[in-house]
Amino acid sequence: MEVLKNYINGEWVESVTGRKREIICPSNGELLAYTTESNEEDAKAAIKAAKEAFYGEGVFRRMAAVERSAYLLKIADLMEERAEELAKTDTLDNGKPLREAEGDVSDAIECFRYYAGLIDKPTGGVYDVNQGFGPMQTYTVHEPVGVCAQITPWNYPLLMAVWKLAPALAAGNCVVFKPSEHAPLSTIKLFEIFHEAGLPKGTANLVLGNGPEVGAVFAESEDVDMITFTGSTRTGQSIAKAAAGNLKKVGLELGGKSPLVVFADCALDAAVEWAMIGIFFNAGQVCAATSRLIIEESIKDEFLEKLVQKANAITLGPGMNNPDMGAIITEAQMNKILDYIESGKQEGATLLCGGERYTEGSCKDGFFIKPTIFDNCTKDMRIVKEEIFGPVLSVLTFKTEEEAIALANDTEYGLAGAVITKDGARALRVMKELRAGITWINCSQPTFCQAPWGGYKKSGVGRELGIHGLEEYQEVKQVNINLNPEAQVGWFEH
């Protein structure tokens, strides 16, 4: 089986280590591919290529915005031609149902086209300034940051890559990129598309390997001008500390323990469906998953009866079979989730459904966990406080609006939050009080490339997507022009 390689300075190259990593299908435990296993030397080679491409000839950054836009549109077109292949790759590599992977590919294509359309639109500003130094004209321009290092997780392998790559390239940066070592295959195919699209050498570089060996080099390098990371809060904190060495720009989209606040006046059946989507979509492996159901006490029993019935009816299976819910990414992650489930039992929560590995039929060799719901939770339990990153829902109750808000905000995270109620004024009151960067009213999880994505508190810094996502990859330069260059100011005449 061929060993899949790094992409550095426009060429496919093996790591200097000669090592390789097995890529395992989470649905059945079978070997999918081998990838080269990079080290510090490989990471530095990629950084050097990006630095020379940006600060040397600077072909890409010096292009007119409309020319960079054409590259992004060509990439989107090539992705569309290979959409089926990309979706199947993510399904096999990640374990998610095929229809979810198809949605990810569609969103990724839209993201490239969005930034292709955005980059040549008006930016900057003109300022009416004090005339103490004579007639002056002041304006600002947006310029690329430079060498951008990007690290993505395994839960949305292709889509998360595009969320970072599309705006960075649109802005004219050069990139060094590391996908998760657990699901890198669709990203490799994306770089094949970059090569086919003719991106200038060194503009986009791919390094395969694990975080401690590759990601740490990206964070510490004095030659990297910006680093962005999506993943756990603990790793994000380490990256931020390492990045302080040269005060590089940092973008971090980190963990979450997001609330879904449901009031008694909700449309019950619709609310149950949104609760299902909020925690069981992508097998709960979603940073913004609404994993804490905070429900008004008077409707809890009826709500949970319907919710448990639907959860028990969820089909599990290999992603290519298009089940309701797919596999957990690795055996280690599955065991971590099962440990959390066991802690919920030990701490006194009531297990309503699920709570165990699923091994029936075609799932016998894969990493599957039944949809799990815990009732009678308290805010001090681990399953309520800590990010599980799996299909595990914790239920808490409230009697008053004030109590609901307090419970919703009682977390170190602040990525997302949702409220479900027919009372529009109440929805807006609660939403105003939620300390979270992404919020929903009468829904959970919709995401759009046109709108900013990011969190408060330990859920990270900076924003992805939308205009804000483009601005993250730009520096703002102030330009001051003396409109009367022959006039003397007379500053030192006294």
Protein backbone atom coordinates (compact mmCIF):
# COMPACT_ATOMS: atom_id res chain seq x y z
CA MET A 1 0.00 0.00 0.00
CA GLU A 2 1.40 3.40 -1.02
CA VAL A 3 2.50 5.74 1.77
CA LEU A 4 0.74 9.10 1.39
CA LYS A 5 3.18 12.00 1.51
CA ASN A 6 3.68 15.56 2.67
CA TYR A 7 3.20 18.38 0.18
CA ILE A 8 6.03 20.91 0.52
CA ASN A 9 7.04 23.63 -1.94
CA GLY A 10 4.83 22.18 -4.65
CA GLU A 11 6.13 18.62 -4.38
CA TRP A 12 4.96 15.38 -2.72
CA VAL A 13 7.71 14.24 -0.37
CA GLU A 14 8.12 11.58 2.29
CA SER A 15 9.13 12.51 5.81
CA VAL A 16 12.82 12.44 6.62
CA THR A 17 11.97 9.97 9.39
CA GLY A 18 11.00 7.17 7.03
CA ARG A 19 8.23 6.31 9.49
CA LYS A 20 4.63 5.68 8.53
CA ARG A 21 1.30 5.80 10.36
CA GLU A 22 -1.68 3.50 9.93
CA ILE A 23 -4.98 5.20 9.19
CA ILE A 24 -7.79 3.04 10.58
CA CYS A 25 -11.46 3.04 9.56
CA PRO A 26 -13.48 3.64 12.75
CA SER A 27 -16.47 1.76 11.38
CA ASN A 28 -14.70 -1.60 11.17
CA GLY A 29 -11.15 -1.21 12.47
CA GLU A 30 -9.66 -1.99 9.05
CA LEU A 31 -6.56 -0.34 7.57
CA LEU A 32 -7.41 2.43 5.12
CA ALA A 33 -3.99 3.86 4.28
CA TYR A 34 -0.50 4.67 5.42
CA THR A 35 0.68 8.25 5.79
CA THR A 36 4.19 9.50 6.23
CA GLU A 37 4.99 10.41 9.85
CA SER A 38 6.69 13.80 10.00
CA ASN A 39 8.99 15.33 12.59
CA GLU A 40 10.49 18.69 13.48
CA GLU A 41 12.71 18.73 10.40
CA ASP A 42 9.75 18.25 8.05
CA ALA A 43 7.79 21.01 9.78
CA LYS A 44 10.73 23.40 9.48
CA ALA A 45 11.09 22.57 5.77
CA ALA A 46 7.44 23.46 5.19
CA ILE A 47 7.81 26.71 7.14
CA LYS A 48 10.91 27.61 5.13
CA ALA A 49 9.06 27.00 1.85
CA ALA A 50 6.13 29.17 2.95
CA LYS A 51 8.44 31.94 4.17
CA GLU A 52 10.38 32.03 0.92
CA ALA A 53 7.15 32.01 -1.08
CA PHE A 54 5.73 34.91 0.91
CA TYR A 55 8.75 37.11 1.64
CA GLY A 56 10.81 36.17 -1.43
CA GLU A 57 9.13 36.60 -4.78
CA GLY A 58 5.78 36.93 -3.04
CA VAL A 59 3.92 35.83 -6.16
CA PHE A 60 0.66 35.05 -4.43
CA ARG A 61 0.50 38.03 -2.08
CA ARG A 62 1.32 40.43 -4.92
CA MET A 63 -1.48 39.12 -7.12
CA ALA A 64 -4.49 41.30 -7.66
CA ALA A 65 -7.38 40.14 -5.50
CA VAL A 66 -9.31 39.14 -8.60
CA GLU A 67 -6.49 36.76 -9.58
CA ARG A 68 -6.48 35.08 -6.17
CA SER A 69 -10.24 34.88 -6.45
CA ALA A 70 -9.86 32.97 -9.72
CA TYR A 71 -7.65 30.40 -7.98
CA LEU A 72 -10.26 29.88 -5.26
CA LEU A 73 -13.02 29.48 -7.83
CA LYS A 74 -10.96 26.92 -9.73
CA ILE A 75 -10.37 24.99 -6.51
CA ALA A 76 -14.11 25.02 -5.81
CA ASP A 77 -14.84 23.73 -9.31
CA LEU A 78 -12.31 20.91 -8.96
CA MET A 79 -13.77 20.00 -5.58
CA GLU A 80 -17.20 19.85 -7.15
CA GLU A 81 -15.89 17.44 -9.80
CA ARG A 82 -14.51 15.20 -7.05
CA ALA A 83 -17.33 15.75 -4.54
CA GLU A 84 -18.38 12.11 -4.38
CA GLU A 85 -14.80 10.97 -3.83
CA LEU A 86 -14.23 13.57 -1.10
CA ALA A 87 -17.42 12.62 0.74
CA LYS A 88 -16.68 8.89 0.65
CA THR A 89 -13.16 9.55 1.87
CA ASP A 90 -14.40 11.48 4.91
CA THR A 91 -17.00 8.80 5.62
CA LEU A 92 -14.42 6.02 5.63
CA ASP A 93 -11.79 8.06 7.46
CA ASN A 94 -14.04 9.69 10.07
CA GLY A 95 -16.95 7.25 10.39
CA LYS A 96 -19.76 9.75 9.84
CA PRO A 97 -22.81 8.88 7.71
CA LEU A 98 -22.28 9.53 4.01
CA ARG A 99 -25.06 12.12 3.80
CA GLU A 100 -23.33 14.16 6.54
CA ALA A 101 -20.04 13.97 4.67
CA GLU A 102 -21.80 15.05 1.47
CA GLY A 103 -23.14 18.07 3.34
CA ASP A 104 -19.63 18.89 4.56
CA VAL A 105 -18.27 18.79 1.01
CA SER A 106 -21.06 21.03 -0.25
CA ASP A 107 -20.40 23.52 2.56
CA ALA A 108 -16.66 23.43 1.85
CA ILE A 109 -17.20 24.25 -1.82
CA GLU A 110 -19.52 27.11 -0.86
CA CYS A 111 -16.87 28.42 1.54
CA PHE A 112 -14.24 28.68 -1.19
CA ARG A 113 -16.70 30.44 -3.47
CA TYR A 114 -17.77 32.79 -0.68
CA TYR A 115 -14.21 33.98 -0.05
CA ALA A 116 -13.52 34.14 -3.79
CA GLY A 117 -16.39 36.60 -3.99
CA LEU A 118 -15.48 38.51 -0.83
CA ILE A 119 -11.80 39.20 -1.41
CA ASP A 120 -12.20 41.77 -4.20
CA LYS A 121 -14.84 43.80 -2.37
CA PRO A 122 -14.05 47.24 -0.82
CA THR A 123 -11.99 47.17 2.38
CA GLY A 124 -10.22 49.69 4.58
CA GLY A 125 -11.36 53.22 5.33
CA VAL A 126 -10.63 56.90 4.76
CA TYR A 127 -10.36 59.20 7.78
CA ASP A 128 -10.97 62.91 8.29
CA VAL A 129 -7.97 63.75 10.49
CA ASN A 130 -6.67 66.73 12.43
CA GLN A 131 -4.86 69.20 10.12
CA GLY A 132 -2.19 70.28 12.64
CA PHE A 133 0.58 69.10 10.33
CA GLY A 134 -0.98 70.65 7.25
CA PRO A 135 -3.41 69.05 4.78
CA MET A 136 -3.29 65.29 5.34
CA GLN A 137 -5.09 62.30 3.88
CA THR A 138 -5.27 59.14 6.03
CA TYR A 139 -6.57 55.75 4.99
CA THR A 140 -6.15 52.09 5.88
CA VAL A 141 -5.47 49.00 3.81
CA HIS A 142 -5.72 45.30 4.67
CA GLU A 143 -2.67 43.16 3.92
CA PRO A 144 -1.89 39.45 4.45
CA VAL A 145 -0.34 38.43 7.76
CA GLY A 146 2.43 36.31 6.24
CA VAL A 147 3.19 32.67 7.04
CA CYS A 148 0.10 31.09 8.64
CA ALA A 149 0.28 27.74 10.44
CA GLN A 150 -3.04 25.90 10.68
CA ILE A 151 -3.99 22.80 12.69
CA THR A 152 -7.38 21.08 12.39
CA PRO A 153 -9.25 18.31 14.25
CA TRP A 154 -10.72 15.01 13.05
CA ASN A 155 -14.45 15.60 13.52
CA TYR A 156 -14.94 17.60 10.30
CA PRO A 157 -11.72 16.80 8.41
CA LEU A 158 -12.42 18.50 5.09
CA LEU A 159 -14.73 21.26 6.24
CA MET A 160 -12.52 22.50 9.09
CA ALA A 161 -9.55 22.53 6.71
CA VAL A 162 -11.45 24.72 4.27
CA TRP A 163 -12.67 27.05 7.02
CA LYS A 164 -9.03 27.94 7.61
CA LEU A 165 -7.48 27.59 4.18
CA ALA A 166 -10.05 29.52 2.12
CA PRO A 167 -9.79 32.87 3.96
CA ALA A 168 -6.03 32.54 4.50
CA LEU A 169 -5.41 32.02 0.79
CA ALA A 170 -7.96 34.63 -0.22
CA ALA A 171 -6.05 37.20 1.85
CA GLY A 172 -2.78 36.33 0.10
CA ASN A 173 -1.01 34.43 2.87
CA CYS A 174 1.22 31.37 2.55
CA VAL A 175 0.23 28.39 4.66
CA VAL A 176 1.71 25.44 6.51
CA PHE A 177 -1.05 23.00 7.38
CA LYS A 178 -1.35 19.99 9.68
CA PRO A 179 -4.56 17.92 9.70
CA SER A 180 -5.42 15.54 12.51
CA GLU A 181 -3.34 12.40 12.30
CA HIS A 182 -6.56 10.41 12.85
CA ALA A 183 -8.39 11.61 9.71
CA PRO A 184 -6.05 13.24 7.18
CA LEU A 185 -7.17 11.60 3.94
CA SER A 186 -9.63 14.18 2.58
CA THR A 187 -7.15 16.97 3.34
CA ILE A 188 -4.52 15.14 1.28
CA LYS A 189 -7.00 15.04 -1.60
CA LEU A 190 -7.65 18.76 -1.11
CA PHE A 191 -3.95 19.46 -1.55
CA GLU A 192 -4.01 17.32 -4.70
CA ILE A 193 -6.64 19.77 -5.93
CA PHE A 194 -4.43 22.73 -4.94
CA HIS A 195 -1.65 21.21 -7.05
CA GLU A 196 -3.98 20.67 -9.99
CA ALA A 197 -5.26 24.24 -9.67
CA GLY A 198 -1.68 25.48 -10.04
CA LEU A 199 -1.17 27.31 -6.75
CA PRO A 200 2.32 28.85 -6.80
CA LYS A 201 4.98 26.73 -5.10
CA GLY A 202 5.20 27.23 -1.36
CA THR A 203 1.80 28.89 -1.12
CA ALA A 204 0.18 25.90 0.60
CA ASN A 205 2.22 23.22 2.36
CA LEU A 206 0.96 20.05 4.04
CA VAL A 207 2.75 18.28 6.89
CA LEU A 208 1.36 14.97 8.18
CA GLY A 209 2.07 13.88 11.74
CA ASN A 210 1.07 14.23 15.36
CA GLY A 211 0.73 17.37 17.41
CA PRO A 212 3.69 17.10 19.77
CA GLU A 213 6.17 16.70 16.90
CA VAL A 214 4.68 18.95 14.21
CA GLY A 215 2.19 21.29 15.85
CA ALA A 216 4.64 22.34 18.53
CA VAL A 217 7.13 23.43 15.86
CA PHE A 218 4.47 25.52 14.17
CA ALA A 219 3.61 27.24 17.45
CA GLU A 220 7.18 27.94 18.51
CA SER A 221 8.66 28.99 15.16
CA GLU A 222 9.89 32.57 14.88
CA ASP A 223 9.21 32.31 11.13
CA VAL A 224 5.46 31.71 11.57
CA ASP A 225 3.46 34.94 11.71
CA MET A 226 0.12 33.44 12.75
CA ILE A 227 -1.16 30.13 14.09
CA THR A 228 -4.73 28.90 14.19
CA PHE A 229 -5.92 25.77 15.93
CA THR A 230 -9.24 23.99 16.39
CA GLY A 231 -9.38 21.36 19.13
CA SER A 232 -9.23 20.89 22.87
CA THR A 233 -8.86 23.77 25.29
CA ARG A 234 -5.81 22.20 26.94
CA THR A 235 -3.93 21.93 23.64
CA GLY A 236 -5.04 25.43 22.69
CA GLN A 237 -3.58 26.81 25.91
CA SER A 238 -0.25 25.11 25.15
CA ILE A 239 -0.20 26.57 21.65
CA ALA A 240 -0.95 30.06 22.95
CA LYS A 241 1.95 29.85 25.41
CA ALA A 242 4.36 28.60 22.76
CA ALA A 243 3.20 31.26 20.28
CA ALA A 244 4.07 34.05 22.72
CA GLY A 245 7.73 33.71 21.76
CA ASN A 246 7.45 36.01 18.75
CA LEU A 247 4.00 37.39 19.63
CA LYS A 248 2.49 35.82 16.54
CA LYS A 249 -1.22 36.23 15.90
CA VAL A 250 -3.26 33.42 17.43
CA GLY A 251 -6.70 32.06 16.52
CA LEU A 252 -8.15 29.34 18.75
CA GLU A 253 -11.50 27.56 18.39
CA LEU A 254 -11.62 25.31 21.42
CA GLY A 255 -13.94 23.21 23.56
CA GLY A 256 -17.56 23.64 24.51
CA LYS A 257 -20.23 22.45 26.92
CA SER A 258 -23.12 24.23 25.34
CA PRO A 259 -26.63 24.57 26.83
CA LEU A 260 -29.96 23.94 25.16
CA VAL A 261 -32.52 25.82 27.25
CA VAL A 262 -36.07 24.58 26.69
CA PHE A 263 -39.09 26.42 28.13
CA ALA A 264 -42.49 24.87 28.83
CA ASP A 265 -44.20 26.81 26.04
CA CYS A 266 -42.05 25.19 23.33
CA ALA A 267 -43.40 23.27 20.36
CA LEU A 268 -42.63 19.97 22.04
CA ASP A 269 -42.04 17.66 19.08
CA ALA A 270 -39.89 20.21 17.26
CA ALA A 271 -37.91 20.89 20.42
CA VAL A 272 -37.24 17.17 20.86
CA GLU A 273 -35.92 16.99 17.31
CA TRP A 274 -33.56 19.93 17.88
CA ALA A 275 -32.34 18.33 21.08
CA MET A 276 -31.55 15.19 19.08
CA ILE A 277 -29.66 17.15 16.43
CA GLY A 278 -27.83 19.11 19.08
CA ILE A 279 -26.20 16.07 20.69
CA PHE A 280 -26.38 13.09 18.32
CA PHE A 281 -25.38 14.71 15.01
CA ASN A 282 -21.88 13.47 14.05
CA ALA A 283 -22.14 11.11 17.06
CA GLY A 284 -21.84 14.10 19.38
CA GLN A 285 -18.32 14.81 18.10
CA VAL A 286 -19.08 18.50 17.65
CA CYS A 287 -17.42 21.32 19.56
CA ALA A 288 -20.69 23.28 19.66
CA ALA A 289 -22.88 20.29 20.58
CA THR A 290 -25.69 21.32 22.96
CA SER A 291 -24.73 18.60 25.42
CA ARG A 292 -26.51 20.13 28.43
CA LEU A 293 -30.29 20.03 28.18
CA ILE A 294 -31.64 22.64 30.62
CA ILE A 295 -35.39 22.11 30.65
CA GLU A 296 -38.30 23.67 32.54
CA GLU A 297 -39.30 21.27 35.26
CA SER A 298 -43.01 21.13 34.40
CA ILE A 299 -42.43 19.49 30.98
CA LYS A 300 -39.36 17.39 31.74
CA ASP A 301 -41.08 14.01 32.05
CA GLU A 302 -43.11 14.34 28.86
CA PHE A 303 -40.13 15.73 26.96
CA LEU A 304 -37.74 13.01 28.08
CA GLU A 305 -40.22 10.25 27.31
CA LYS A 306 -40.33 11.40 23.68
CA LEU A 307 -36.59 12.04 23.57
CA VAL A 308 -35.62 8.63 24.93
CA GLN A 309 -38.02 6.90 22.54
CA LYS A 310 -36.38 8.66 19.58
CA ALA A 311 -32.87 8.07 20.89
CA ASN A 312 -33.53 4.35 21.24
CA ALA A 313 -34.72 4.27 17.63
CA ILE A 314 -31.50 5.76 16.24
CA THR A 315 -29.75 3.38 13.86
CA LEU A 316 -25.99 2.88 14.14
CA GLY A 317 -23.70 1.52 11.47
CA PRO A 318 -20.85 2.11 9.03
CA GLY A 319 -21.09 5.53 7.46
CA MET A 320 -21.34 4.17 3.92
CA ASN A 321 -24.66 2.55 4.90
CA ASN A 322 -26.08 5.98 5.83
CA PRO A 323 -27.23 5.15 9.36
CA ASP A 324 -28.65 7.79 11.70
CA MET A 325 -25.37 7.85 13.60
CA GLY A 326 -21.87 6.68 12.75
CA ALA A 327 -18.76 5.63 14.64
CA ILE A 328 -16.52 7.30 17.18
CA ILE A 329 -13.21 8.29 15.61
CA THR A 330 -10.86 5.93 17.50
CA GLU A 331 -10.97 3.17 20.08
CA ALA A 332 -9.20 5.46 22.55
CA GLN A 333 -11.83 8.18 22.12
CA MET A 334 -14.60 5.60 22.48
CA ASN A 335 -13.10 4.38 25.75
CA LYS A 336 -12.78 7.95 27.00
CA ILE A 337 -16.50 8.49 26.38
CA LEU A 338 -17.35 5.21 28.12
CA ASP A 339 -15.29 6.36 31.12
CA TYR A 340 -17.39 9.54 31.29
CA ILE A 341 -20.56 7.45 31.13
CA GLU A 342 -19.31 5.34 34.01
CA SER A 343 -18.52 8.48 36.02
CA GLY A 344 -22.11 9.68 35.47
CA LYS A 345 -23.42 6.45 36.93
CA GLN A 346 -21.02 6.62 39.87
CA GLU A 347 -21.90 10.23 40.66
CA GLY A 348 -25.61 9.43 40.87
CA ALA A 349 -27.09 10.50 37.54
CA THR A 350 -29.95 8.36 36.20
CA LEU A 351 -29.15 6.58 32.94
CA LEU A 352 -32.26 6.71 30.75
CA CYS A 353 -30.86 5.05 27.62
CA GLY A 354 -27.65 3.95 25.94
CA GLY A 355 -24.56 4.04 28.07
CA GLU A 356 -22.64 1.25 26.37
CA ARG A 357 -20.69 0.20 23.32
CA TYR A 358 -22.71 -1.09 20.36
CA THR A 359 -21.33 -4.20 18.63
CA GLU A 360 -24.25 -5.75 16.77
CA GLY A 361 -24.14 -6.81 13.12
CA SER A 362 -21.84 -4.71 10.95
CA CYS A 363 -20.75 -2.70 14.00
CA LYS A 364 -19.03 -5.60 15.74
CA ASP A 365 -15.48 -4.44 14.97
CA GLY A 366 -16.11 -0.69 14.93
CA PHE A 367 -16.12 2.01 17.59
CA PHE A 368 -19.80 2.69 18.27
CA ILE A 369 -21.60 4.01 21.36
CA LYS A 370 -25.35 3.96 21.82
CA PRO A 371 -27.04 7.38 22.15
CA THR A 372 -26.89 8.13 25.87
CA ILE A 373 -29.10 10.33 28.07
CA PHE A 374 -28.61 11.04 31.78
CA ASP A 375 -31.40 12.51 33.95
CA ASN A 376 -31.22 13.90 37.49
CA CYS A 377 -27.87 15.53 36.87
CA THR A 378 -26.32 18.16 39.09
CA LYS A 379 -24.04 20.95 37.99
CA ASP A 380 -21.02 19.55 39.85
CA MET A 381 -20.95 16.23 37.94
CA ARG A 382 -18.15 15.57 35.46
CA ILE A 383 -20.65 14.73 32.71
CA VAL A 384 -22.14 18.21 33.19
CA LYS A 385 -18.91 20.17 33.60
CA GLU A 386 -16.47 18.56 31.17
CA GLU A 387 -16.53 18.26 27.40
CA ILE A 388 -17.18 14.60 26.55
CA PHE A 389 -17.17 14.92 22.74
CA GLY A 390 -19.54 12.04 22.22
CA PRO A 391 -23.26 11.16 22.11
CA VAL A 392 -23.93 11.83 25.79
CA LEU A 393 -26.65 14.26 26.97
CA SER A 394 -26.95 15.57 30.53
CA VAL A 395 -30.33 16.87 31.74
CA LEU A 396 -30.87 19.60 34.33
CA THR A 397 -34.10 21.37 35.26
CA PHE A 398 -35.16 24.91 36.20
CA LYS A 399 -38.27 26.69 37.45
CA THR A 400 -37.54 30.34 36.60
CA GLU A 401 -35.99 32.20 33.70
CA GLU A 402 -33.26 33.53 35.99
CA GLU A 403 -32.39 30.02 37.11
CA ALA A 404 -32.20 28.84 33.49
CA ILE A 405 -29.76 31.62 32.60
CA ALA A 406 -27.60 30.89 35.63
CA LEU A 407 -27.40 27.19 34.74
CA ALA A 408 -26.65 27.95 31.10
CA ASN A 409 -23.73 30.21 32.00
CA ASP A 410 -22.37 27.94 34.75
CA THR A 411 -19.49 26.65 32.64
CA GLU A 412 -15.91 27.60 31.86
CA TYR A 413 -16.79 27.39 28.17
CA GLY A 414 -18.67 29.82 25.96
CA LEU A 415 -18.77 28.48 22.45
CA ALA A 416 -22.49 28.08 21.78
CA GLY A 417 -25.94 28.07 23.32
CA ALA A 418 -29.57 27.68 22.30
CA VAL A 419 -32.98 28.59 23.64
CA ILE A 420 -36.33 27.12 22.58
CA THR A 421 -39.53 28.99 23.35
CA LYS A 422 -42.52 30.47 21.51
CA ASP A 423 -42.17 33.70 23.53
CA GLY A 424 -40.05 35.96 21.33
CA ALA A 425 -39.33 38.52 24.03
CA ARG A 426 -38.20 35.81 26.44
CA ALA A 427 -35.97 34.26 23.75
CA LEU A 428 -34.23 37.59 23.18
CA ARG A 429 -33.87 38.26 26.92
CA VAL A 430 -32.23 34.91 27.52
CA MET A 431 -30.08 35.14 24.41
CA LYS A 432 -28.79 38.54 25.52
CA GLU A 433 -27.62 37.00 28.79
CA LEU A 434 -25.96 33.90 27.32
CA ARG A 435 -22.17 34.18 27.41
CA ALA A 436 -21.49 32.39 24.14
CA GLY A 437 -20.23 33.30 20.68
CA ILE A 438 -22.68 31.24 18.61
CA THR A 439 -26.34 31.17 19.59
CA TRP A 440 -29.58 29.76 18.25
CA ILE A 441 -33.26 30.46 18.91
CA ASN A 442 -35.67 27.56 18.29
CA CYS A 443 -32.93 25.46 16.71
CA SER A 444 -29.46 24.04 17.35
CA GLN A 445 -26.35 23.64 15.17
CA PRO A 446 -27.08 25.52 11.90
CA THR A 447 -23.81 26.99 10.63
CA PHE A 448 -23.14 29.32 7.70
CA CYS A 449 -19.88 30.37 6.07
CA GLN A 450 -21.15 33.95 5.86
CA ALA A 451 -21.41 34.38 9.66
CA PRO A 452 -18.61 34.47 12.28
CA TRP A 453 -17.79 31.35 14.32
CA GLY A 454 -15.99 31.39 17.67
CA GLY A 455 -16.45 31.49 21.41
CA TYR A 456 -16.12 33.28 24.73
CA LYS A 457 -14.07 32.29 27.78
CA LYS A 458 -12.12 29.01 27.44
CA SER A 459 -13.78 28.30 24.10
CA GLY A 460 -11.11 30.31 22.37
CA VAL A 461 -10.08 33.61 20.81
CA GLY A 462 -10.76 35.08 17.38
CA ARG A 463 -13.38 34.19 14.82
CA GLU A 464 -13.59 32.03 11.72
CA LEU A 465 -15.91 32.44 8.73
CA GLY A 466 -17.62 35.53 7.40
CA ILE A 467 -15.87 38.87 7.02
CA HIS A 468 -14.42 38.42 10.51
CA GLY A 469 -12.77 35.19 9.38
CA LEU A 470 -11.04 36.98 6.51
CA GLU A 471 -9.90 39.84 8.76
CA GLU A 472 -8.23 37.33 11.10
CA TYR A 473 -5.79 36.60 8.27
CA GLN A 474 -5.08 40.25 7.55
CA GLU A 475 -3.07 43.06 9.09
CA VAL A 476 -4.40 46.64 9.00
CA LYS A 477 -1.95 49.24 7.76
CA GLN A 478 -2.45 52.97 8.32
CA VAL A 479 -1.27 55.25 5.49
CA ASN A 480 -0.80 59.01 6.00
CA ILE A 481 -0.20 61.32 3.03
CA ASN A 482 0.97 64.92 3.19
CA LEU A 483 -1.00 66.62 0.43
CA ASN A 484 1.35 69.61 0.36
CA PRO A 485 4.83 68.08 0.29
CA GLU A 486 6.63 71.39 -0.34
CA ALA A 487 5.17 73.18 2.67
CA GLN A 488 7.29 73.48 5.82
CA VAL A 489 5.59 72.72 9.13
CA GLY A 490 7.86 75.02 11.13
CA TRP A 491 7.91 72.70 14.12
CA PHE A 492 11.45 73.63 15.28
CA GLU A 493 11.35 77.39 14.57
CA HIS A 494 10.77 78.27 18.23
